[in-house]
Amino acid sequence: MIFSKASGVNDSIFGASQEPIRMMLEQQEEAFQKMSIIDKVFFKDETKDFANKYTVETSLGNFEPTGENGKYPESTFQEGYSKVIEPETWKNSFPVTQEMIEDAKMGKIKSKATAFMLSHNRTRELFAAGIINNGNAATMTFGKKVFDISCADKKAFFAVDHPSVTGGTGVQSNLYNGAFSYDNLSYAEEKMHYFTDDDGNILTVSPDTIVIPDKAAIKKLVFEAIGAEGIPGTANNSYSYQFGRWNVIVSPYLNNYAGTSGGDTWYLLDSAFNDAYQALVWLDRIPLTTKSYIDENTDANIFKGRSRYSAAANNWRTMLCSAPGLSGASSFTG
């Protein structure tokens, strides 16, 4: 966080309060970061530019048998689908009145500072969750603005018809409709293992993280499936190969898609693929910049906060979504 003071504040009645208020803001920022899913789900990047372009290259062709003294075959790369992310500007403010300072109402000032930072961090978290919550659509309305959250291939992040830029493979799906269970977790993992690049080469995507809403029903199912050495719901001693293999991210901001029935929406994430291919991107341009000044009309000390950031999906292969009962989604079996 960048904190600055306007001229004249130090010479006013507010001067001595500036450092305590700054400390309150910074403490709230640090506390919320420990609960955020942004660092755990998104590839975090920073930029000094107006916008960043994210792309991938298609794979190089395979080695060819040439025999003795044969010529080297020539293989070429091709740029794949690309995504441009432009950081958005976000603003808010809150006042500290002269009467609050005169009457030493630091508790009331602290509550305003806390609410201000909660608003900032909650907005970031809701925007991040919104990318996932609306992942089966190409756009998302947040506040009064419509954001393009389509993937680099112009499809929704979660779709049943992701195309190939080279035509080297058919359409692929990362949107399914099975409720969470031990079996469906195994099927979903297998589906991701067989994701291919645009030329049809298997990428061996290896999901390592389960992302779920903060709901008791699905938390119970998840930890039953991955938290015991035996197969859940059975009396035999069959070994569960899902035991101890998964990270679990729980967020109260995640919800179900319209049309979902029979359970909660859940996701699998390959965090290593996400980092390697910059697949689901959170782009920070300007950190929260807070400044204060005296309003001549009210004599209040106004604190303003401004930041620039955005997020979007680039490469859909990093994540699979399963929304139980969602019409048009793929099936794990059959």
C-alpha atoms as a PDB file:
ATOM      1  CA  MET A   1       0.000   0.000   0.000  1.00  0.00           C
ATOM      2  CA  ILE A   2       1.223   3.480  -0.862  1.00  0.00           C
ATOM      3  CA  PHE A   3       0.234   6.178   1.635  1.00  0.00           C
ATOM      4  CA  SER A   4       0.628   9.921   1.114  1.00  0.00           C
ATOM      5  CA  LYS A   5      -0.496  13.067   2.928  1.00  0.00           C
ATOM      6  CA  ALA A   6      -1.747  16.247   1.351  1.00  0.00           C
ATOM      7  CA  SER A   7      -0.079  19.554   2.171  1.00  0.00           C
ATOM      8  CA  GLY A   8      -1.349  21.286   5.286  1.00  0.00           C
ATOM      9  CA  VAL A   9      -2.548  18.113   7.062  1.00  0.00           C
ATOM     10  CA  ASN A  10       0.449  18.001   9.379  1.00  0.00           C
ATOM     11  CA  ASP A  11      -0.189  21.591  10.406  1.00  0.00           C
ATOM     12  CA  SER A  12      -3.828  20.956  11.261  1.00  0.00           C
ATOM     13  CA  ILE A  13      -5.612  19.268  14.133  1.00  0.00           C
ATOM     14  CA  PHE A  14      -5.432  16.028  12.110  1.00  0.00           C
ATOM     15  CA  GLY A  15      -1.622  15.880  12.029  1.00  0.00           C
ATOM     16  CA  ALA A  16      -1.123  13.597  15.026  1.00  0.00           C
ATOM     17  CA  SER A  17      -3.854  11.200  13.865  1.00  0.00           C
ATOM     18  CA  GLN A  18      -2.319  10.439  10.481  1.00  0.00           C
ATOM     19  CA  GLU A  19       0.092   7.719  11.630  1.00  0.00           C
ATOM     20  CA  PRO A  20      -2.481   5.799  13.772  1.00  0.00           C
ATOM     21  CA  ILE A  21      -4.979   5.835  10.897  1.00  0.00           C
ATOM     22  CA  ARG A  22      -2.278   4.675   8.478  1.00  0.00           C
ATOM     23  CA  MET A  23      -1.418   1.806  10.833  1.00  0.00           C
ATOM     24  CA  MET A  24      -5.101   0.788  11.026  1.00  0.00           C
ATOM     25  CA  LEU A  25      -5.320   0.666   7.232  1.00  0.00           C
ATOM     26  CA  GLU A  26      -2.154  -1.386   6.863  1.00  0.00           C
ATOM     27  CA  GLN A  27      -3.179  -3.865   9.562  1.00  0.00           C
ATOM     28  CA  GLN A  28      -6.505  -4.516   7.864  1.00  0.00           C
ATOM     29  CA  GLU A  29      -4.773  -5.012   4.507  1.00  0.00           C
ATOM     30  CA  GLU A  30      -2.405  -7.604   5.954  1.00  0.00           C
ATOM     31  CA  ALA A  31      -5.138  -9.488   7.825  1.00  0.00           C
ATOM     32  CA  PHE A  32      -7.357  -9.944   4.765  1.00  0.00           C
ATOM     33  CA  GLN A  33      -4.539 -11.161   2.538  1.00  0.00           C
ATOM     34  CA  LYS A  34      -4.211 -14.271   4.718  1.00  0.00           C
ATOM     35  CA  MET A  35      -7.786 -15.295   3.802  1.00  0.00           C
ATOM     36  CA  SER A  36      -7.691 -14.384   0.105  1.00  0.00           C
ATOM     37  CA  ILE A  37      -8.044 -16.984  -2.659  1.00  0.00           C
ATOM     38  CA  ILE A  38      -6.357 -14.735  -5.223  1.00  0.00           C
ATOM     39  CA  ASP A  39      -2.826 -15.911  -4.423  1.00  0.00           C
ATOM     40  CA  LYS A  40      -3.977 -19.541  -4.383  1.00  0.00           C
ATOM     41  CA  VAL A  41      -6.099 -19.720  -7.545  1.00  0.00           C
ATOM     42  CA  PHE A  42      -4.689 -17.080  -9.899  1.00  0.00           C
ATOM     43  CA  PHE A  43      -1.318 -16.570 -11.518  1.00  0.00           C
ATOM     44  CA  LYS A  44      -0.401 -13.152 -10.104  1.00  0.00           C
ATOM     45  CA  ASP A  45       1.405 -10.777 -12.403  1.00  0.00           C
ATOM     46  CA  GLU A  46       2.340  -7.104 -12.327  1.00  0.00           C
ATOM     47  CA  THR A  47       2.671  -4.617 -15.139  1.00  0.00           C
ATOM     48  CA  LYS A  48       3.783  -1.058 -15.798  1.00  0.00           C
ATOM     49  CA  ASP A  49       1.975  -0.971 -19.108  1.00  0.00           C
ATOM     50  CA  PHE A  50      -1.517   0.006 -20.204  1.00  0.00           C
ATOM     51  CA  ALA A  51      -2.330  -3.657 -20.866  1.00  0.00           C
ATOM     52  CA  ASN A  52      -0.630  -7.058 -21.073  1.00  0.00           C
ATOM     53  CA  LYS A  53      -0.966  -9.660 -23.804  1.00  0.00           C
ATOM     54  CA  TYR A  54      -0.820 -13.336 -22.861  1.00  0.00           C
ATOM     55  CA  THR A  55      -0.389 -16.030 -25.484  1.00  0.00           C
ATOM     56  CA  VAL A  56       0.993 -19.523 -26.065  1.00  0.00           C
ATOM     57  CA  GLU A  57       2.850 -21.168 -28.909  1.00  0.00           C
ATOM     58  CA  THR A  58       1.768 -24.413 -30.479  1.00  0.00           C
ATOM     59  CA  SER A  59       4.017 -27.402 -29.977  1.00  0.00           C
ATOM     60  CA  LEU A  60       7.020 -28.246 -32.120  1.00  0.00           C
ATOM     61  CA  GLY A  61       6.599 -31.255 -34.401  1.00  0.00           C
ATOM     62  CA  ASN A  62       7.909 -34.660 -33.348  1.00  0.00           C
ATOM     63  CA  PHE A  63      11.321 -36.046 -34.236  1.00  0.00           C
ATOM     64  CA  GLU A  64      11.315 -38.001 -37.516  1.00  0.00           C
ATOM     65  CA  PRO A  65      13.209 -41.210 -38.386  1.00  0.00           C
ATOM     66  CA  THR A  66      15.716 -40.204 -41.084  1.00  0.00           C
ATOM     67  CA  GLY A  67      18.068 -43.176 -41.379  1.00  0.00           C
ATOM     68  CA  GLU A  68      21.805 -42.812 -41.762  1.00  0.00           C
ATOM     69  CA  ASN A  69      22.994 -39.388 -42.949  1.00  0.00           C
ATOM     70  CA  GLY A  70      19.390 -38.242 -43.344  1.00  0.00           C
ATOM     71  CA  LYS A  71      18.415 -34.593 -43.538  1.00  0.00           C
ATOM     72  CA  TYR A  72      17.053 -32.761 -40.541  1.00  0.00           C
ATOM     73  CA  PRO A  73      13.306 -32.158 -40.853  1.00  0.00           C
ATOM     74  CA  GLU A  74      12.109 -28.626 -40.195  1.00  0.00           C
ATOM     75  CA  SER A  75       9.400 -27.957 -37.633  1.00  0.00           C
ATOM     76  CA  THR A  76       7.804 -24.608 -36.897  1.00  0.00           C
ATOM     77  CA  PHE A  77       5.939 -22.959 -34.078  1.00  0.00           C
ATOM     78  CA  GLN A  78       2.718 -21.017 -34.435  1.00  0.00           C
ATOM     79  CA  GLU A  79       1.305 -18.462 -32.046  1.00  0.00           C
ATOM     80  CA  GLY A  80      -1.797 -19.804 -30.384  1.00  0.00           C
ATOM     81  CA  TYR A  81      -4.801 -17.910 -29.068  1.00  0.00           C
ATOM     82  CA  SER A  82      -3.955 -14.764 -27.104  1.00  0.00           C
ATOM     83  CA  LYS A  83      -5.641 -12.686 -24.413  1.00  0.00           C
ATOM     84  CA  VAL A  84      -5.184  -8.969 -23.684  1.00  0.00           C
ATOM     85  CA  ILE A  85      -5.881  -7.885 -20.098  1.00  0.00           C
ATOM     86  CA  GLU A  86      -6.304  -4.189 -19.349  1.00  0.00           C
ATOM     87  CA  PRO A  87      -6.187  -3.156 -15.673  1.00  0.00           C
ATOM     88  CA  GLU A  88      -9.319  -1.386 -14.463  1.00  0.00           C
ATOM     89  CA  THR A  89      -9.260   1.624 -12.098  1.00  0.00           C
ATOM     90  CA  TRP A  90     -11.044   1.205  -8.746  1.00  0.00           C
ATOM     91  CA  LYS A  91     -11.747   4.033  -6.257  1.00  0.00           C
ATOM     92  CA  ASN A  92     -13.357   4.735  -2.880  1.00  0.00           C
ATOM     93  CA  SER A  93     -13.068   7.232   0.010  1.00  0.00           C
ATOM     94  CA  PHE A  94     -14.076   7.890   3.626  1.00  0.00           C
ATOM     95  CA  PRO A  95     -14.081  11.005   5.888  1.00  0.00           C
ATOM     96  CA  VAL A  96     -12.703  11.599   9.373  1.00  0.00           C
ATOM     97  CA  THR A  97     -14.479  14.636  10.822  1.00  0.00           C
ATOM     98  CA  GLN A  98     -12.819  17.318  12.919  1.00  0.00           C
ATOM     99  CA  GLU A  99     -15.263  16.514  15.733  1.00  0.00           C
ATOM    100  CA  MET A 100     -14.030  12.894  15.831  1.00  0.00           C
ATOM    101  CA  ILE A 101     -10.473  14.099  16.383  1.00  0.00           C
ATOM    102  CA  GLU A 102     -11.451  16.829  18.872  1.00  0.00           C
ATOM    103  CA  ASP A 103     -13.500  14.366  20.938  1.00  0.00           C
ATOM    104  CA  ALA A 104     -10.806  11.627  20.632  1.00  0.00           C
ATOM    105  CA  LYS A 105     -13.225   9.132  19.132  1.00  0.00           C
ATOM    106  CA  MET A 106     -10.493   6.791  17.863  1.00  0.00           C
ATOM    107  CA  GLY A 107     -12.815   3.788  18.048  1.00  0.00           C
ATOM    108  CA  LYS A 108     -15.138   5.398  15.516  1.00  0.00           C
ATOM    109  CA  ILE A 109     -12.176   6.349  13.317  1.00  0.00           C
ATOM    110  CA  LYS A 110     -10.867   2.796  13.503  1.00  0.00           C
ATOM    111  CA  SER A 111     -14.244   1.408  12.419  1.00  0.00           C
ATOM    112  CA  LYS A 112     -14.190   3.710   9.368  1.00  0.00           C
ATOM    113  CA  ALA A 113     -10.653   2.623   8.466  1.00  0.00           C
ATOM    114  CA  THR A 114     -11.617  -1.014   8.928  1.00  0.00           C
ATOM    115  CA  ALA A 115     -14.712  -0.631   6.741  1.00  0.00           C
ATOM    116  CA  PHE A 116     -12.642   1.136   4.069  1.00  0.00           C
ATOM    117  CA  MET A 117     -10.066  -1.646   3.860  1.00  0.00           C
ATOM    118  CA  LEU A 118     -12.755  -4.326   4.060  1.00  0.00           C
ATOM    119  CA  SER A 119     -14.438  -2.664   1.091  1.00  0.00           C
ATOM    120  CA  HIS A 120     -11.185  -2.653  -0.889  1.00  0.00           C
ATOM    121  CA  ASN A 121     -10.257  -6.257  -0.145  1.00  0.00           C
ATOM    122  CA  ARG A 122     -13.799  -7.566  -0.456  1.00  0.00           C
ATOM    123  CA  THR A 123     -14.086  -5.946  -3.886  1.00  0.00           C
ATOM    124  CA  ARG A 124     -10.909  -7.686  -5.050  1.00  0.00           C
ATOM    125  CA  GLU A 125     -12.111 -10.997  -3.649  1.00  0.00           C
ATOM    126  CA  LEU A 126     -15.586 -10.683  -5.178  1.00  0.00           C
ATOM    127  CA  PHE A 127     -14.061  -9.785  -8.544  1.00  0.00           C
ATOM    128  CA  ALA A 128     -11.747 -12.804  -8.391  1.00  0.00           C
ATOM    129  CA  ALA A 129     -14.595 -15.113  -7.369  1.00  0.00           C
ATOM    130  CA  GLY A 130     -16.772 -13.546 -10.059  1.00  0.00           C
ATOM    131  CA  ILE A 131     -14.366 -14.709 -12.769  1.00  0.00           C
ATOM    132  CA  ILE A 132     -14.935 -18.275 -11.557  1.00  0.00           C
ATOM    133  CA  ASN A 133     -18.626 -17.899 -10.659  1.00  0.00           C
ATOM    134  CA  ASN A 134     -19.333 -16.639 -14.170  1.00  0.00           C
ATOM    135  CA  GLY A 135     -16.793 -18.891 -15.826  1.00  0.00           C
ATOM    136  CA  ASN A 136     -19.381 -20.543 -18.086  1.00  0.00           C
ATOM    137  CA  ALA A 137     -20.127 -17.140 -19.683  1.00  0.00           C
ATOM    138  CA  ALA A 138     -18.045 -14.817 -21.859  1.00  0.00           C
ATOM    139  CA  THR A 139     -18.914 -11.666 -19.903  1.00  0.00           C
ATOM    140  CA  MET A 140     -19.531 -10.648 -16.313  1.00  0.00           C
ATOM    141  CA  THR A 141     -21.366  -7.617 -14.952  1.00  0.00           C
ATOM    142  CA  PHE A 142     -19.562  -6.261 -11.898  1.00  0.00           C
ATOM    143  CA  GLY A 143     -20.823  -3.041 -10.387  1.00  0.00           C
ATOM    144  CA  LYS A 144     -22.016  -0.993 -13.332  1.00  0.00           C
ATOM    145  CA  LYS A 145     -19.538  -2.347 -15.870  1.00  0.00           C
ATOM    146  CA  VAL A 146     -19.544  -5.387 -18.158  1.00  0.00           C
ATOM    147  CA  PHE A 147     -16.191  -7.208 -18.202  1.00  0.00           C
ATOM    148  CA  ASP A 148     -14.965  -9.505 -20.944  1.00  0.00           C
ATOM    149  CA  ILE A 149     -13.936 -12.669 -19.077  1.00  0.00           C
ATOM    150  CA  SER A 150     -13.751 -14.948 -22.105  1.00  0.00           C
ATOM    151  CA  CYS A 151     -10.743 -17.179 -22.575  1.00  0.00           C
ATOM    152  CA  ALA A 152      -8.031 -16.551 -25.173  1.00  0.00           C
ATOM    153  CA  ASP A 153      -9.977 -18.714 -27.649  1.00  0.00           C
ATOM    154  CA  LYS A 154     -12.987 -16.360 -27.229  1.00  0.00           C
ATOM    155  CA  LYS A 155     -14.979 -19.099 -25.515  1.00  0.00           C
ATOM    156  CA  ALA A 156     -16.100 -18.971 -21.908  1.00  0.00           C
ATOM    157  CA  PHE A 157     -13.388 -20.083 -19.473  1.00  0.00           C
ATOM    158  CA  PHE A 158     -15.444 -23.226 -18.804  1.00  0.00           C
ATOM    159  CA  ALA A 159     -16.894 -24.534 -22.065  1.00  0.00           C
ATOM    160  CA  VAL A 160     -17.623 -27.799 -23.873  1.00  0.00           C
ATOM    161  CA  ASP A 161     -16.257 -26.610 -27.226  1.00  0.00           C
ATOM    162  CA  HIS A 162     -12.778 -25.116 -26.827  1.00  0.00           C
ATOM    163  CA  PRO A 163     -11.359 -25.094 -30.391  1.00  0.00           C
ATOM    164  CA  SER A 164      -7.855 -25.706 -31.759  1.00  0.00           C
ATOM    165  CA  VAL A 165      -6.068 -22.794 -33.432  1.00  0.00           C
ATOM    166  CA  THR A 166      -4.276 -25.200 -35.798  1.00  0.00           C
ATOM    167  CA  GLY A 167      -7.117 -27.662 -36.339  1.00  0.00           C
ATOM    168  CA  GLY A 168      -4.823 -30.361 -35.013  1.00  0.00           C
ATOM    169  CA  THR A 169      -7.477 -31.718 -32.667  1.00  0.00           C
ATOM    170  CA  GLY A 170     -11.211 -31.551 -32.132  1.00  0.00           C
ATOM    171  CA  VAL A 171     -13.007 -29.386 -29.585  1.00  0.00           C
ATOM    172  CA  GLN A 172     -12.293 -30.069 -25.921  1.00  0.00           C
ATOM    173  CA  SER A 173     -14.341 -29.607 -22.761  1.00  0.00           C
ATOM    174  CA  ASN A 174     -13.525 -28.444 -19.246  1.00  0.00           C
ATOM    175  CA  LEU A 175     -17.192 -28.069 -18.199  1.00  0.00           C
ATOM    176  CA  TYR A 176     -18.946 -31.109 -16.683  1.00  0.00           C
ATOM    177  CA  ASN A 177     -22.151 -31.792 -14.777  1.00  0.00           C
ATOM    178  CA  GLY A 178     -21.314 -34.383 -12.114  1.00  0.00           C
ATOM    179  CA  ALA A 179     -21.857 -33.911  -8.393  1.00  0.00           C
ATOM    180  CA  PHE A 180     -18.760 -34.251  -6.238  1.00  0.00           C
ATOM    181  CA  SER A 181     -17.973 -37.823  -5.246  1.00  0.00           C
ATOM    182  CA  TYR A 182     -14.934 -40.065  -4.963  1.00  0.00           C
ATOM    183  CA  ASP A 183     -15.698 -41.542  -8.394  1.00  0.00           C
ATOM    184  CA  ASN A 184     -16.319 -38.199 -10.102  1.00  0.00           C
ATOM    185  CA  LEU A 185     -13.146 -36.764  -8.600  1.00  0.00           C
ATOM    186  CA  SER A 186     -11.265 -39.653 -10.198  1.00  0.00           C
ATOM    187  CA  TYR A 187     -13.031 -39.163 -13.549  1.00  0.00           C
ATOM    188  CA  ALA A 188     -12.416 -35.396 -13.519  1.00  0.00           C
ATOM    189  CA  GLU A 189      -8.723 -35.909 -12.815  1.00  0.00           C
ATOM    190  CA  GLU A 190      -8.520 -38.361 -15.711  1.00  0.00           C
ATOM    191  CA  LYS A 191     -10.196 -35.859 -18.062  1.00  0.00           C
ATOM    192  CA  MET A 192      -7.562 -33.271 -17.210  1.00  0.00           C
ATOM    193  CA  HIS A 193      -4.737 -35.768 -17.702  1.00  0.00           C
ATOM    194  CA  TYR A 194      -5.844 -36.096 -21.329  1.00  0.00           C
ATOM    195  CA  PHE A 195      -6.150 -32.392 -22.153  1.00  0.00           C
ATOM    196  CA  THR A 196      -4.123 -31.779 -25.307  1.00  0.00           C
ATOM    197  CA  ASP A 197      -2.476 -28.793 -26.930  1.00  0.00           C
ATOM    198  CA  ASP A 198      -3.745 -27.405 -30.244  1.00  0.00           C
ATOM    199  CA  ASP A 199      -1.866 -30.071 -32.191  1.00  0.00           C
ATOM    200  CA  GLY A 200      -3.358 -32.966 -30.224  1.00  0.00           C
ATOM    201  CA  ASN A 201      -0.331 -33.681 -28.009  1.00  0.00           C
ATOM    202  CA  ILE A 202      -1.225 -34.817 -24.483  1.00  0.00           C
ATOM    203  CA  LEU A 203      -0.063 -32.215 -21.946  1.00  0.00           C
ATOM    204  CA  THR A 204      -0.292 -34.436 -18.836  1.00  0.00           C
ATOM    205  CA  VAL A 205      -2.099 -31.726 -16.892  1.00  0.00           C
ATOM    206  CA  SER A 206      -1.982 -32.824 -13.253  1.00  0.00           C
ATOM    207  CA  PRO A 207      -4.563 -31.141 -11.008  1.00  0.00           C
ATOM    208  CA  ASP A 208      -3.468 -30.765  -7.397  1.00  0.00           C
ATOM    209  CA  THR A 209      -6.120 -28.462  -5.897  1.00  0.00           C
ATOM    210  CA  ILE A 210      -9.846 -28.770  -5.231  1.00  0.00           C
ATOM    211  CA  VAL A 211     -11.726 -25.452  -5.086  1.00  0.00           C
ATOM    212  CA  ILE A 212     -15.156 -25.421  -3.446  1.00  0.00           C
ATOM    213  CA  PRO A 213     -17.701 -23.026  -1.900  1.00  0.00           C
ATOM    214  CA  ASP A 214     -17.825 -22.758   1.878  1.00  0.00           C
ATOM    215  CA  LYS A 215     -20.816 -25.081   2.283  1.00  0.00           C
ATOM    216  CA  ALA A 216     -21.023 -27.910   4.758  1.00  0.00           C
ATOM    217  CA  ALA A 217     -22.486 -30.459   2.333  1.00  0.00           C
ATOM    218  CA  ILE A 218     -19.678 -30.325  -0.216  1.00  0.00           C
ATOM    219  CA  LYS A 219     -16.941 -29.881   2.395  1.00  0.00           C
ATOM    220  CA  LYS A 220     -18.145 -33.105   3.977  1.00  0.00           C
ATOM    221  CA  LEU A 221     -18.050 -34.917   0.623  1.00  0.00           C
ATOM    222  CA  VAL A 222     -14.587 -33.614  -0.264  1.00  0.00           C
ATOM    223  CA  PHE A 223     -12.896 -34.485   2.996  1.00  0.00           C
ATOM    224  CA  GLU A 224     -14.586 -37.875   3.102  1.00  0.00           C
ATOM    225  CA  ALA A 225     -13.202 -38.600  -0.372  1.00  0.00           C
ATOM    226  CA  ILE A 226      -9.620 -37.460   0.218  1.00  0.00           C
ATOM    227  CA  GLY A 227      -9.178 -37.698   3.976  1.00  0.00           C
ATOM    228  CA  ALA A 228      -9.241 -41.448   4.585  1.00  0.00           C
ATOM    229  CA  GLU A 229      -7.065 -44.324   3.414  1.00  0.00           C
ATOM    230  CA  GLY A 230     -10.083 -46.482   2.550  1.00  0.00           C
ATOM    231  CA  ILE A 231     -12.755 -45.999  -0.120  1.00  0.00           C
ATOM    232  CA  PRO A 232     -15.471 -43.769   1.411  1.00  0.00           C
ATOM    233  CA  GLY A 233     -18.848 -45.386   2.048  1.00  0.00           C
ATOM    234  CA  THR A 234     -17.535 -48.963   1.928  1.00  0.00           C
ATOM    235  CA  ALA A 235     -16.761 -51.545   4.579  1.00  0.00           C
ATOM    236  CA  ASN A 236     -13.843 -53.137   2.726  1.00  0.00           C
ATOM    237  CA  ASN A 237     -10.167 -52.315   2.954  1.00  0.00           C
ATOM    238  CA  SER A 238      -9.730 -51.044  -0.608  1.00  0.00           C
ATOM    239  CA  TYR A 239      -7.067 -48.347  -0.737  1.00  0.00           C
ATOM    240  CA  SER A 240      -8.079 -44.802  -1.710  1.00  0.00           C
ATOM    241  CA  TYR A 241      -5.476 -43.416  -4.101  1.00  0.00           C
ATOM    242  CA  GLN A 242      -6.963 -39.951  -3.537  1.00  0.00           C
ATOM    243  CA  PHE A 243      -5.848 -39.954   0.095  1.00  0.00           C
ATOM    244  CA  GLY A 244      -3.485 -37.133   1.021  1.00  0.00           C
ATOM    245  CA  ARG A 245      -2.946 -35.919  -2.555  1.00  0.00           C
ATOM    246  CA  TRP A 246      -4.989 -32.713  -2.685  1.00  0.00           C
ATOM    247  CA  ASN A 247      -4.904 -29.124  -1.556  1.00  0.00           C
ATOM    248  CA  VAL A 248      -8.367 -27.757  -0.775  1.00  0.00           C
ATOM    249  CA  ILE A 249      -9.379 -24.111  -1.172  1.00  0.00           C
ATOM    250  CA  VAL A 250     -12.676 -23.031   0.382  1.00  0.00           C
ATOM    251  CA  SER A 251     -14.263 -19.648  -0.343  1.00  0.00           C
ATOM    252  CA  PRO A 252     -17.547 -18.146   0.900  1.00  0.00           C
ATOM    253  CA  TYR A 253     -17.705 -16.071  -2.292  1.00  0.00           C
ATOM    254  CA  LEU A 254     -18.122 -19.040  -4.640  1.00  0.00           C
ATOM    255  CA  ASN A 255     -21.655 -19.997  -5.686  1.00  0.00           C
ATOM    256  CA  ASN A 256     -23.536 -22.238  -8.101  1.00  0.00           C
ATOM    257  CA  TYR A 257     -24.339 -21.540 -11.739  1.00  0.00           C
ATOM    258  CA  ALA A 258     -27.909 -20.928 -12.790  1.00  0.00           C
ATOM    259  CA  GLY A 259     -29.409 -24.284 -13.743  1.00  0.00           C
ATOM    260  CA  THR A 260     -27.186 -26.281 -11.412  1.00  0.00           C
ATOM    261  CA  SER A 261     -29.056 -28.938  -9.443  1.00  0.00           C
ATOM    262  CA  GLY A 262     -28.192 -31.916  -7.294  1.00  0.00           C
ATOM    263  CA  GLY A 263     -25.132 -30.490  -5.558  1.00  0.00           C
ATOM    264  CA  ASP A 264     -22.625 -27.672  -5.402  1.00  0.00           C
ATOM    265  CA  THR A 265     -20.310 -26.553  -8.183  1.00  0.00           C
ATOM    266  CA  TRP A 266     -16.686 -27.627  -7.709  1.00  0.00           C
ATOM    267  CA  TYR A 267     -13.393 -27.151  -9.513  1.00  0.00           C
ATOM    268  CA  LEU A 268     -10.049 -28.850 -10.049  1.00  0.00           C
ATOM    269  CA  LEU A 269      -6.943 -26.713 -10.561  1.00  0.00           C
ATOM    270  CA  ASP A 270      -3.434 -27.544 -11.755  1.00  0.00           C
ATOM    271  CA  SER A 271      -1.455 -24.843  -9.945  1.00  0.00           C
ATOM    272  CA  ALA A 272       1.854 -25.743 -11.639  1.00  0.00           C
ATOM    273  CA  PHE A 273       0.274 -25.476 -15.108  1.00  0.00           C
ATOM    274  CA  ASN A 274      -1.278 -22.185 -14.076  1.00  0.00           C
ATOM    275  CA  ASP A 275       2.125 -20.736 -13.197  1.00  0.00           C
ATOM    276  CA  ALA A 276       3.925 -22.230 -16.201  1.00  0.00           C
ATOM    277  CA  TYR A 277       1.389 -21.116 -18.812  1.00  0.00           C
ATOM    278  CA  GLN A 278      -0.011 -17.982 -17.115  1.00  0.00           C
ATOM    279  CA  ALA A 279      -3.411 -19.550 -17.518  1.00  0.00           C
ATOM    280  CA  LEU A 280      -5.727 -17.761 -15.064  1.00  0.00           C
ATOM    281  CA  VAL A 281      -4.229 -14.306 -14.610  1.00  0.00           C
ATOM    282  CA  TRP A 282      -4.597 -11.675 -11.925  1.00  0.00           C
ATOM    283  CA  LEU A 283      -2.897  -8.506 -13.184  1.00  0.00           C
ATOM    284  CA  ASP A 284      -1.935  -5.716 -10.772  1.00  0.00           C
ATOM    285  CA  ARG A 285      -1.006  -2.343 -12.271  1.00  0.00           C
ATOM    286  CA  ILE A 286      -1.141   0.092  -9.324  1.00  0.00           C
ATOM    287  CA  PRO A 287      -1.371  -1.077  -5.679  1.00  0.00           C
ATOM    288  CA  LEU A 288      -3.817   0.587  -3.339  1.00  0.00           C
ATOM    289  CA  THR A 289      -2.720   4.223  -3.113  1.00  0.00           C
ATOM    290  CA  THR A 290      -4.215   6.150  -0.198  1.00  0.00           C
ATOM    291  CA  LYS A 291      -3.981   9.916   0.239  1.00  0.00           C
ATOM    292  CA  SER A 292      -5.628  12.379   2.580  1.00  0.00           C
ATOM    293  CA  TYR A 293      -6.545  16.021   2.376  1.00  0.00           C
ATOM    294  CA  ILE A 294      -8.653  18.604   4.204  1.00  0.00           C
ATOM    295  CA  ASP A 295     -12.043  19.389   2.696  1.00  0.00           C
ATOM    296  CA  GLU A 296     -12.361  23.176   2.981  1.00  0.00           C
ATOM    297  CA  ASN A 297     -16.174  22.999   2.951  1.00  0.00           C
ATOM    298  CA  THR A 298     -16.501  20.573   5.890  1.00  0.00           C
ATOM    299  CA  ASP A 299     -13.050  20.666   7.576  1.00  0.00           C
ATOM    300  CA  ALA A 300     -13.097  16.860   7.408  1.00  0.00           C
ATOM    301  CA  ASN A 301      -9.976  14.838   6.670  1.00  0.00           C
ATOM    302  CA  ILE A 302     -10.869  12.871   3.521  1.00  0.00           C
ATOM    303  CA  PHE A 303      -9.053   9.617   2.809  1.00  0.00           C
ATOM    304  CA  LYS A 304      -9.120   8.467  -0.804  1.00  0.00           C
ATOM    305  CA  GLY A 305      -8.066   5.094  -2.116  1.00  0.00           C
ATOM    306  CA  ARG A 306      -7.277   4.164  -5.717  1.00  0.00           C
ATOM    307  CA  SER A 307      -5.900   1.018  -7.345  1.00  0.00           C
ATOM    308  CA  ARG A 308      -5.709  -0.563 -10.797  1.00  0.00           C
ATOM    309  CA  TYR A 309      -6.065  -4.275 -11.479  1.00  0.00           C
ATOM    310  CA  SER A 310      -7.988  -6.809 -13.506  1.00  0.00           C
ATOM    311  CA  ALA A 311      -8.187 -10.545 -14.110  1.00  0.00           C
ATOM    312  CA  ALA A 312      -9.161 -12.965 -16.851  1.00  0.00           C
ATOM    313  CA  ALA A 313      -8.603 -16.475 -18.137  1.00  0.00           C
ATOM    314  CA  ASN A 314      -5.965 -17.105 -20.774  1.00  0.00           C
ATOM    315  CA  ASN A 315      -5.498 -20.876 -21.071  1.00  0.00           C
ATOM    316  CA  TRP A 316      -8.584 -22.920 -20.097  1.00  0.00           C
ATOM    317  CA  ARG A 317      -6.618 -26.133 -19.493  1.00  0.00           C
ATOM    318  CA  THR A 318      -5.536 -25.142 -16.000  1.00  0.00           C
ATOM    319  CA  MET A 319      -8.990 -25.709 -14.483  1.00  0.00           C
ATOM    320  CA  LEU A 320     -12.017 -27.978 -14.777  1.00  0.00           C
ATOM    321  CA  CYS A 321     -15.492 -27.085 -13.533  1.00  0.00           C
ATOM    322  CA  SER A 322     -18.235 -29.512 -12.585  1.00  0.00           C
ATOM    323  CA  ALA A 323     -21.723 -28.053 -12.070  1.00  0.00           C
ATOM    324  CA  PRO A 324     -24.185 -30.851 -11.153  1.00  0.00           C
ATOM    325  CA  GLY A 325     -27.225 -30.917 -13.426  1.00  0.00           C
ATOM    326  CA  LEU A 326     -26.080 -28.044 -15.626  1.00  0.00           C
ATOM    327  CA  SER A 327     -27.767 -28.367 -19.014  1.00  0.00           C
ATOM    328  CA  GLY A 328     -25.389 -28.736 -21.932  1.00  0.00           C
ATOM    329  CA  ALA A 329     -22.344 -29.637 -19.847  1.00  0.00           C
ATOM    330  CA  SER A 330     -20.315 -32.759 -20.614  1.00  0.00           C
ATOM    331  CA  SER A 331     -20.705 -36.027 -18.723  1.00  0.00           C
ATOM    332  CA  PHE A 332     -17.807 -37.756 -17.008  1.00  0.00           C
ATOM    333  CA  THR A 333     -18.928 -41.155 -18.321  1.00  0.00           C
ATOM    334  CA  GLY A 334     -20.670 -42.291 -21.444  1.00  0.00           C
END
